[in-house]
C-alpha atoms as a PDB file:
ATOM      1  CA  MET A   1     -73.857 -21.926  59.907  1.00  0.00           C
ATOM      2  CA  SER A   2     -70.616 -23.875  59.372  1.00  0.00           C
ATOM      3  CA  ILE A   3     -67.143 -22.570  60.196  1.00  0.00           C
ATOM      4  CA  SER A   4     -63.637 -23.572  59.141  1.00  0.00           C
ATOM      5  CA  ILE A   5     -60.565 -22.318  60.997  1.00  0.00           C
ATOM      6  CA  ALA A   6     -56.944 -22.823  59.966  1.00  0.00           C
ATOM      7  CA  VAL A   7     -54.322 -22.212  62.670  1.00  0.00           C
ATOM      8  CA  ALA A   8     -50.693 -21.628  61.699  1.00  0.00           C
ATOM      9  CA  GLY A   9     -47.583 -20.564  63.544  1.00  0.00           C
ATOM     10  CA  LYS A  10     -43.929 -21.178  64.218  1.00  0.00           C
ATOM     11  CA  GLY A  11     -43.122 -24.231  66.323  1.00  0.00           C
ATOM     12  CA  GLY A  12     -43.263 -23.499  70.041  1.00  0.00           C
ATOM     13  CA  THR A  13     -45.912 -20.776  69.879  1.00  0.00           C
ATOM     14  CA  GLY A  14     -48.598 -23.055  71.322  1.00  0.00           C
ATOM     15  CA  LYS A  15     -50.698 -23.254  68.147  1.00  0.00           C
ATOM     16  CA  THR A  16     -51.464 -26.953  68.602  1.00  0.00           C
ATOM     17  CA  THR A  17     -52.738 -26.395  72.138  1.00  0.00           C
ATOM     18  CA  LEU A  18     -54.808 -23.453  70.890  1.00  0.00           C
ATOM     19  CA  SER A  19     -56.227 -25.609  68.083  1.00  0.00           C
ATOM     20  CA  ALA A  20     -57.196 -28.251  70.645  1.00  0.00           C
ATOM     21  CA  LEU A  21     -58.760 -25.613  72.905  1.00  0.00           C
ATOM     22  CA  MET A  22     -60.835 -24.395  69.952  1.00  0.00           C
ATOM     23  CA  VAL A  23     -62.110 -27.928  69.399  1.00  0.00           C
ATOM     24  CA  ARG A  24     -62.912 -28.169  73.128  1.00  0.00           C
ATOM     25  CA  THR A  25     -64.777 -24.848  73.092  1.00  0.00           C
ATOM     26  CA  LEU A  26     -66.770 -25.690  69.972  1.00  0.00           C
ATOM     27  CA  ARG A  27     -67.782 -29.021  71.477  1.00  0.00           C
ATOM     28  CA  GLN A  28     -68.870 -27.378  74.721  1.00  0.00           C
ATOM     29  CA  ASN A  29     -70.847 -24.792  72.765  1.00  0.00           C
ATOM     30  CA  GLY A  30     -72.855 -27.600  71.231  1.00  0.00           C
ATOM     31  CA  THR A  31     -71.338 -27.229  67.762  1.00  0.00           C
ATOM     32  CA  LYS A  32     -71.350 -30.645  66.127  1.00  0.00           C
ATOM     33  CA  PRO A  33     -70.072 -32.511  64.354  1.00  0.00           C
ATOM     34  CA  ILE A  34     -66.499 -31.160  64.513  1.00  0.00           C
ATOM     35  CA  LEU A  35     -63.544 -32.268  62.406  1.00  0.00           C
ATOM     36  CA  ALA A  36     -60.035 -31.646  63.747  1.00  0.00           C
ATOM     37  CA  VAL A  37     -57.315 -31.883  61.092  1.00  0.00           C
ATOM     38  CA  ASP A  38     -53.676 -32.375  62.064  1.00  0.00           C
ATOM     39  CA  ALA A  39     -51.916 -30.830  59.063  1.00  0.00           C
ATOM     40  CA  ASP A  40     -48.561 -30.397  60.829  1.00  0.00           C
ATOM     41  CA  PRO A  41     -46.335 -33.491  60.585  1.00  0.00           C
ATOM     42  CA  ASN A  42     -44.495 -32.355  63.734  1.00  0.00           C
ATOM     43  CA  SER A  43     -47.501 -31.456  65.862  1.00  0.00           C
ATOM     44  CA  THR A  44     -49.199 -33.412  68.622  1.00  0.00           C
ATOM     45  CA  LEU A  45     -52.826 -32.488  68.101  1.00  0.00           C
ATOM     46  CA  ALA A  46     -54.002 -36.027  68.885  1.00  0.00           C
ATOM     47  CA  GLU A  47     -52.208 -35.955  72.243  1.00  0.00           C
ATOM     48  CA  ALA A  48     -53.610 -32.503  73.036  1.00  0.00           C
ATOM     49  CA  LEU A  49     -57.095 -33.878  72.334  1.00  0.00           C
ATOM     50  CA  GLY A  50     -56.542 -37.060  74.330  1.00  0.00           C
ATOM     51  CA  THR A  51     -56.858 -39.465  71.416  1.00  0.00           C
ATOM     52  CA  GLU A  52     -54.739 -41.429  68.972  1.00  0.00           C
ATOM     53  CA  LEU A  53     -54.244 -40.458  65.352  1.00  0.00           C
ATOM     54  CA  GLY A  54     -55.409 -42.862  62.678  1.00  0.00           C
ATOM     55  CA  LYS A  55     -53.599 -43.618  59.434  1.00  0.00           C
ATOM     56  CA  PRO A  56     -52.134 -40.367  58.037  1.00  0.00           C
ATOM     57  CA  LEU A  57     -53.421 -39.378  54.612  1.00  0.00           C
ATOM     58  CA  ALA A  58     -49.807 -39.185  53.418  1.00  0.00           C
ATOM     59  CA  GLU A  59     -49.597 -42.957  53.799  1.00  0.00           C
ATOM     60  CA  ILE A  60     -52.768 -43.381  51.756  1.00  0.00           C
ATOM     61  CA  ARG A  61     -51.300 -41.112  49.089  1.00  0.00           C
ATOM     62  CA  GLU A  62     -48.068 -43.149  49.011  1.00  0.00           C
ATOM     63  CA  GLU A  63     -49.926 -46.436  48.709  1.00  0.00           C
ATOM     64  CA  LYS A  64     -52.350 -45.264  46.028  1.00  0.00           C
ATOM     65  CA  SER A  65     -49.625 -43.639  43.929  1.00  0.00           C
ATOM     66  CA  SER A  66     -47.701 -46.898  43.654  1.00  0.00           C
ATOM     67  CA  ALA A  67     -48.467 -49.552  41.051  1.00  0.00           C
ATOM     68  CA  GLU A  68     -49.321 -52.064  43.768  1.00  0.00           C
ATOM     69  CA  GLY A  69     -51.744 -49.690  45.488  1.00  0.00           C
ATOM     70  CA  SER A  70     -53.578 -48.535  42.388  1.00  0.00           C
ATOM     71  CA  SER A  71     -57.127 -49.721  41.829  1.00  0.00           C
ATOM     72  CA  PRO A  72     -57.850 -51.340  38.437  1.00  0.00           C
ATOM     73  CA  SER A  73     -60.161 -48.547  37.267  1.00  0.00           C
ATOM     74  CA  GLY A  74     -60.682 -44.824  37.789  1.00  0.00           C
ATOM     75  CA  SER A  75     -64.016 -45.198  39.584  1.00  0.00           C
ATOM     76  CA  GLY A  76     -62.654 -48.030  41.683  1.00  0.00           C
ATOM     77  CA  ARG A  77     -59.702 -45.888  42.676  1.00  0.00           C
ATOM     78  CA  VAL A  78     -61.969 -43.056  43.774  1.00  0.00           C
ATOM     79  CA  ARG A  79     -64.038 -45.391  45.961  1.00  0.00           C
ATOM     80  CA  ASP A  80     -60.859 -46.965  47.309  1.00  0.00           C
ATOM     81  CA  VAL A  81     -59.448 -43.577  48.398  1.00  0.00           C
ATOM     82  CA  GLU A  82     -62.770 -42.537  49.942  1.00  0.00           C
ATOM     83  CA  ASP A  83     -62.949 -45.799  51.899  1.00  0.00           C
ATOM     84  CA  GLU A  84     -59.365 -45.375  53.116  1.00  0.00           C
ATOM     85  CA  ILE A  85     -60.089 -41.836  54.328  1.00  0.00           C
ATOM     86  CA  GLN A  86     -63.158 -43.005  56.235  1.00  0.00           C
ATOM     87  CA  ARG A  87     -61.087 -45.698  57.955  1.00  0.00           C
ATOM     88  CA  ALA A  88     -58.390 -43.115  58.794  1.00  0.00           C
ATOM     89  CA  ILE A  89     -60.775 -40.952  60.855  1.00  0.00           C
ATOM     90  CA  ALA A  90     -60.370 -41.251  64.623  1.00  0.00           C
ATOM     91  CA  GLU A  91     -63.843 -40.877  66.124  1.00  0.00           C
ATOM     92  CA  GLU A  92     -64.206 -39.422  69.617  1.00  0.00           C
ATOM     93  CA  GLU A  93     -67.096 -38.068  71.640  1.00  0.00           C
ATOM     94  CA  GLY A  94     -68.058 -34.775  70.025  1.00  0.00           C
ATOM     95  CA  PHE A  95     -65.324 -34.617  67.392  1.00  0.00           C
ATOM     96  CA  ASP A  96     -63.408 -36.558  64.740  1.00  0.00           C
ATOM     97  CA  LEU A  97     -59.686 -36.315  64.016  1.00  0.00           C
ATOM     98  CA  ILE A  98     -57.734 -36.950  60.833  1.00  0.00           C
ATOM     99  CA  GLY A  99     -54.005 -36.478  60.141  1.00  0.00           C
ATOM    100  CA  MET A 100     -52.408 -35.280  56.917  1.00  0.00           C
ATOM    101  CA  GLY A 101     -48.870 -36.586  57.498  1.00  0.00           C
ATOM    102  CA  HIS A 102     -45.693 -35.612  55.690  1.00  0.00           C
ATOM    103  CA  PRO A 103     -45.614 -33.796  52.335  1.00  0.00           C
ATOM    104  CA  GLU A 104     -44.924 -35.941  49.293  1.00  0.00           C
ATOM    105  CA  GLY A 105     -41.560 -37.038  47.991  1.00  0.00           C
ATOM    106  CA  PRO A 106     -40.223 -37.223  44.411  1.00  0.00           C
ATOM    107  CA  ARG A 107     -42.953 -39.545  43.056  1.00  0.00           C
ATOM    108  CA  CYS A 108     -45.771 -38.128  40.898  1.00  0.00           C
ATOM    109  CA  TYR A 109     -48.842 -37.588  43.100  1.00  0.00           C
ATOM    110  CA  CYS A 110     -50.970 -35.304  40.935  1.00  0.00           C
ATOM    111  CA  TYR A 111     -53.811 -37.756  40.330  1.00  0.00           C
ATOM    112  CA  VAL A 112     -53.868 -39.108  43.884  1.00  0.00           C
ATOM    113  CA  ASN A 113     -53.754 -35.584  45.340  1.00  0.00           C
ATOM    114  CA  THR A 114     -56.747 -34.699  43.165  1.00  0.00           C
ATOM    115  CA  LEU A 115     -58.626 -37.702  44.575  1.00  0.00           C
ATOM    116  CA  LEU A 116     -57.630 -36.781  48.142  1.00  0.00           C
ATOM    117  CA  ARG A 117     -58.701 -33.191  47.632  1.00  0.00           C
ATOM    118  CA  LYS A 118     -62.088 -34.180  46.268  1.00  0.00           C
ATOM    119  CA  SER A 119     -62.638 -36.732  49.019  1.00  0.00           C
ATOM    120  CA  LEU A 120     -61.620 -34.246  51.713  1.00  0.00           C
ATOM    121  CA  ASP A 121     -63.824 -31.518  50.267  1.00  0.00           C
ATOM    122  CA  ASP A 122     -66.752 -33.934  50.307  1.00  0.00           C
ATOM    123  CA  LEU A 123     -65.860 -35.048  53.846  1.00  0.00           C
ATOM    124  CA  VAL A 124     -65.674 -31.511  55.229  1.00  0.00           C
ATOM    125  CA  LYS A 125     -69.228 -30.808  54.048  1.00  0.00           C
ATOM    126  CA  ASN A 126     -70.456 -33.273  56.681  1.00  0.00           C
ATOM    127  CA  TYR A 127     -69.138 -31.155  59.573  1.00  0.00           C
ATOM    128  CA  LYS A 128     -70.442 -28.040  61.263  1.00  0.00           C
ATOM    129  CA  ALA A 129     -66.937 -26.924  62.229  1.00  0.00           C
ATOM    130  CA  VAL A 130     -63.438 -27.731  60.991  1.00  0.00           C
ATOM    131  CA  VAL A 131     -60.218 -26.810  62.839  1.00  0.00           C
ATOM    132  CA  LEU A 132     -56.927 -27.312  60.964  1.00  0.00           C
ATOM    133  CA  ASP A 133     -53.613 -27.273  62.810  1.00  0.00           C
ATOM    134  CA  ASN A 134     -51.047 -26.286  60.143  1.00  0.00           C
ATOM    135  CA  GLU A 135     -47.292 -26.043  60.029  1.00  0.00           C
ATOM    136  CA  ALA A 136     -45.701 -22.602  59.650  1.00  0.00           C
ATOM    137  CA  GLY A 137     -45.089 -23.168  55.938  1.00  0.00           C
ATOM    138  CA  MET A 138     -48.694 -24.303  55.449  1.00  0.00           C
ATOM    139  CA  GLU A 139     -47.529 -27.000  53.038  1.00  0.00           C
ATOM    140  CA  HIS A 140     -50.871 -28.746  52.788  1.00  0.00           C
ATOM    141  CA  LEU A 141     -52.739 -25.501  52.195  1.00  0.00           C
ATOM    142  CA  SER A 142     -50.200 -24.434  49.557  1.00  0.00           C
ATOM    143  CA  ARG A 143     -50.691 -27.741  47.745  1.00  0.00           C
ATOM    144  CA  ARG A 144     -54.452 -27.334  48.016  1.00  0.00           C
ATOM    145  CA  THR A 145     -54.908 -30.677  49.765  1.00  0.00           C
ATOM    146  CA  THR A 146     -57.393 -29.195  52.219  1.00  0.00           C
ATOM    147  CA  ASN A 147     -60.577 -27.207  51.812  1.00  0.00           C
ATOM    148  CA  ASP A 148     -60.922 -23.415  51.627  1.00  0.00           C
ATOM    149  CA  VAL A 149     -61.100 -21.761  55.051  1.00  0.00           C
ATOM    150  CA  ASP A 150     -63.206 -19.013  56.608  1.00  0.00           C
ATOM    151  CA  PHE A 151     -60.511 -17.826  59.010  1.00  0.00           C
ATOM    152  CA  LEU A 152     -56.750 -18.225  59.021  1.00  0.00           C
ATOM    153  CA  ILE A 153     -55.236 -17.472  62.426  1.00  0.00           C
ATOM    154  CA  ALA A 154     -51.493 -16.825  62.659  1.00  0.00           C
ATOM    155  CA  VAL A 155     -50.289 -17.518  66.202  1.00  0.00           C
ATOM    156  CA  MET A 156     -47.297 -15.805  67.785  1.00  0.00           C
ATOM    157  CA  ASN A 157     -45.689 -15.279  71.154  1.00  0.00           C
ATOM    158  CA  PRO A 158     -44.956 -11.701  72.279  1.00  0.00           C
ATOM    159  CA  THR A 159     -41.408 -11.690  70.862  1.00  0.00           C
ATOM    160  CA  LEU A 160     -39.812 -10.133  67.804  1.00  0.00           C
ATOM    161  CA  PRO A 161     -38.704 -13.461  66.200  1.00  0.00           C
ATOM    162  CA  SER A 162     -42.237 -14.791  66.576  1.00  0.00           C
ATOM    163  CA  LEU A 163     -43.641 -11.626  65.007  1.00  0.00           C
ATOM    164  CA  ARG A 164     -41.272 -12.035  62.071  1.00  0.00           C
ATOM    165  CA  ALA A 165     -42.566 -15.572  61.551  1.00  0.00           C
ATOM    166  CA  VAL A 166     -46.159 -14.309  61.532  1.00  0.00           C
ATOM    167  CA  GLN A 167     -45.237 -11.644  58.988  1.00  0.00           C
ATOM    168  CA  ARG A 168     -43.899 -14.399  56.714  1.00  0.00           C
ATOM    169  CA  ILE A 169     -47.008 -16.520  57.234  1.00  0.00           C
ATOM    170  CA  ILE A 170     -49.329 -13.654  56.334  1.00  0.00           C
ATOM    171  CA  LYS A 171     -47.255 -12.849  53.258  1.00  0.00           C
ATOM    172  CA  LEU A 172     -47.360 -16.513  52.261  1.00  0.00           C
ATOM    173  CA  THR A 173     -51.167 -16.517  52.343  1.00  0.00           C
ATOM    174  CA  ASP A 174     -51.222 -14.082  49.419  1.00  0.00           C
ATOM    175  CA  GLY A 175     -49.981 -16.843  47.136  1.00  0.00           C
ATOM    176  CA  LEU A 176     -52.022 -19.752  48.451  1.00  0.00           C
ATOM    177  CA  PRO A 177     -54.288 -21.398  45.841  1.00  0.00           C
ATOM    178  CA  ILE A 178     -57.268 -21.449  48.209  1.00  0.00           C
ATOM    179  CA  ASN A 179     -59.853 -18.934  49.336  1.00  0.00           C
ATOM    180  CA  ILE A 180     -59.270 -17.465  52.790  1.00  0.00           C
ATOM    181  CA  GLY A 181     -62.198 -15.521  54.185  1.00  0.00           C
ATOM    182  CA  GLN A 182     -60.295 -13.420  56.731  1.00  0.00           C
ATOM    183  CA  ARG A 183     -56.813 -13.407  58.224  1.00  0.00           C
ATOM    184  CA  ALA A 184     -56.166 -12.823  61.899  1.00  0.00           C
ATOM    185  CA  VAL A 185     -53.251 -12.763  64.319  1.00  0.00           C
ATOM    186  CA  LEU A 186     -53.397 -14.088  67.869  1.00  0.00           C
ATOM    187  CA  VAL A 187     -50.726 -13.344  70.468  1.00  0.00           C
ATOM    188  CA  ASN A 188     -50.339 -16.294  72.821  1.00  0.00           C
ATOM    189  CA  ARG A 189     -48.678 -16.581  76.239  1.00  0.00           C
ATOM    190  CA  VAL A 190     -48.935 -12.883  77.039  1.00  0.00           C
ATOM    191  CA  GLY A 191     -47.608 -12.149  80.515  1.00  0.00           C
ATOM    192  CA  PRO A 192     -48.935  -9.600  83.017  1.00  0.00           C
ATOM    193  CA  GLU A 193     -46.658  -6.943  81.530  1.00  0.00           C
ATOM    194  CA  GLY A 194     -48.511  -7.193  78.216  1.00  0.00           C
ATOM    195  CA  ILE A 195     -47.059  -6.837  74.722  1.00  0.00           C
ATOM    196  CA  PRO A 196     -43.519  -5.381  74.662  1.00  0.00           C
ATOM    197  CA  PRO A 197     -43.785  -1.813  73.354  1.00  0.00           C
ATOM    198  CA  GLU A 198     -40.955  -2.325  70.859  1.00  0.00           C
ATOM    199  CA  ILE A 199     -42.997  -4.800  68.797  1.00  0.00           C
ATOM    200  CA  LEU A 200     -46.365  -3.067  69.040  1.00  0.00           C
ATOM    201  CA  PRO A 201     -45.977  -0.848  65.924  1.00  0.00           C
ATOM    202  CA  GLU A 202     -45.171  -3.814  63.662  1.00  0.00           C
ATOM    203  CA  LEU A 203     -47.869  -5.938  65.297  1.00  0.00           C
ATOM    204  CA  GLU A 204     -50.484  -3.272  64.653  1.00  0.00           C
ATOM    205  CA  ALA A 205     -49.254  -2.865  61.052  1.00  0.00           C
ATOM    206  CA  LEU A 206     -49.915  -6.498  60.150  1.00  0.00           C
ATOM    207  CA  ASP A 207     -52.384  -7.064  57.323  1.00  0.00           C
ATOM    208  CA  ALA A 208     -54.601  -9.122  59.626  1.00  0.00           C
ATOM    209  CA  VAL A 209     -57.217  -8.568  62.309  1.00  0.00           C
ATOM    210  CA  ARG A 210     -55.829  -8.860  65.824  1.00  0.00           C
ATOM    211  CA  LEU A 211     -57.791 -11.219  68.035  1.00  0.00           C
ATOM    212  CA  ILE A 212     -57.929 -11.099  71.814  1.00  0.00           C
ATOM    213  CA  ASP A 213     -54.601 -11.991  73.455  1.00  0.00           C
ATOM    214  CA  VAL A 214     -54.332 -15.371  75.191  1.00  0.00           C
ATOM    215  CA  PRO A 215     -52.574 -14.989  78.558  1.00  0.00           C
ATOM    216  CA  GLN A 216     -49.725 -17.054  79.891  1.00  0.00           C
ATOM    217  CA  ASP A 217     -51.409 -19.921  81.737  1.00  0.00           C
ATOM    218  CA  ASP A 218     -49.339 -22.156  83.996  1.00  0.00           C
ATOM    219  CA  ALA A 219     -52.115 -24.754  84.159  1.00  0.00           C
ATOM    220  CA  VAL A 220     -51.981 -25.160  80.385  1.00  0.00           C
ATOM    221  CA  GLU A 221     -48.203 -25.440  80.437  1.00  0.00           C
ATOM    222  CA  ARG A 222     -48.308 -28.067  83.202  1.00  0.00           C
ATOM    223  CA  ALA A 223     -50.946 -30.073  81.371  1.00  0.00           C
ATOM    224  CA  GLY A 224     -48.890 -30.121  78.196  1.00  0.00           C
ATOM    225  CA  ALA A 225     -45.680 -31.023  80.005  1.00  0.00           C
ATOM    226  CA  SER A 226     -47.337 -33.942  81.795  1.00  0.00           C
ATOM    227  CA  GLY A 227     -49.158 -35.257  78.696  1.00  0.00           C
ATOM    228  CA  HIS A 228     -52.667 -34.309  79.827  1.00  0.00           C
ATOM    229  CA  ASP A 229     -55.190 -33.276  77.194  1.00  0.00           C
ATOM    230  CA  VAL A 230     -57.075 -29.967  77.048  1.00  0.00           C
ATOM    231  CA  PHE A 231     -60.282 -31.519  78.340  1.00  0.00           C
ATOM    232  CA  THR A 232     -58.666 -31.909  81.774  1.00  0.00           C
ATOM    233  CA  LEU A 233     -58.285 -28.129  82.167  1.00  0.00           C
ATOM    234  CA  ALA A 234     -60.626 -26.241  84.463  1.00  0.00           C
ATOM    235  CA  GLU A 235     -63.193 -23.868  82.987  1.00  0.00           C
ATOM    236  CA  ASP A 236     -61.719 -20.921  84.871  1.00  0.00           C
ATOM    237  CA  CYS A 237     -58.259 -21.277  83.316  1.00  0.00           C
ATOM    238  CA  PRO A 238     -57.386 -17.895  81.763  1.00  0.00           C
ATOM    239  CA  ALA A 239     -56.336 -19.453  78.447  1.00  0.00           C
ATOM    240  CA  VAL A 240     -59.531 -21.515  78.223  1.00  0.00           C
ATOM    241  CA  ALA A 241     -61.632 -18.403  78.825  1.00  0.00           C
ATOM    242  CA  ALA A 242     -59.686 -16.389  76.235  1.00  0.00           C
ATOM    243  CA  VAL A 243     -60.083 -19.072  73.562  1.00  0.00           C
ATOM    244  CA  GLY A 244     -63.787 -19.106  74.399  1.00  0.00           C
ATOM    245  CA  GLU A 245     -63.923 -15.417  73.504  1.00  0.00           C
ATOM    246  CA  VAL A 246     -62.017 -16.066  70.279  1.00  0.00           C
ATOM    247  CA  ILE A 247     -64.490 -18.744  69.208  1.00  0.00           C
ATOM    248  CA  LYS A 248     -67.408 -16.485  70.114  1.00  0.00           C
ATOM    249  CA  THR A 249     -65.946 -13.775  67.858  1.00  0.00           C
ATOM    250  CA  LEU A 250     -65.400 -16.179  64.970  1.00  0.00           C
ATOM    251  CA  CYS A 251     -68.849 -17.737  65.286  1.00  0.00           C
ATOM    252  CA  ASN A 252     -70.413 -14.297  64.954  1.00  0.00           C
ATOM    253  CA  GLY A 253     -69.621 -14.684  61.264  1.00  0.00           C
ATOM    254  CA  SER A 254     -66.900 -12.163  60.554  1.00  0.00           C
ATOM    255  CA  LEU A 255     -64.081 -10.145  62.073  1.00  0.00           C
ATOM    256  CA  PRO A 256     -63.843  -6.371  62.121  1.00  0.00           C
ATOM    257  CA  GLU A 257     -61.870  -4.921  59.223  1.00  0.00           C
ATOM    258  CA  ASN A 258     -58.142  -4.608  59.899  1.00  0.00           C
END
């Protein structure tokens, strides 16, 4: 069984670290091959995974949409884009990483985006698991430059502004031109006092399944602050264990109805 997971959230919620921890957990569970997709131009998924990002697909799109970058024929252009995508993949032990880069500018990209979409859809079929780290606006998903997903996870911290951002993300998914199997919300960095009671009613009213909370974990925060990747974290870290439970739930095939 294959699985595709899209992670979205406001900046600062820890979604990139959670995406990296999901890749770590899947690799440790023996799921392979895994494709990690950095679809947030401002994220640091490569750093969280301890690798370096290859050529962003946005650069390929820019090059192939210009007269100088165009191949002489349609079939040649398709092969050219596919070859460029293959070269853009950063290959690591147990997973591959590819970056989407910035959204397009004023130039016409329709044809090149179609080629990228087809090439990415074909690429994804080669992987047992795909984890996409998206920006809050989910620009790449809204432009349909990535594949359909089984699970979309909206990440928030236990604060009202973060909850508001998740509400907007979930509302945005209604208009996305892709198929989303199930939507879920994950509360990250939950302290010993739990979820503040004033936000619980709105949290429970979200049109999404609520996953297990991920606790505040000082080891994770220290690792991120010092530039260490998620693979350096100990197995008994509370956040690592919680993400393990999340992946176990997702790999069971479906979430309970919300």
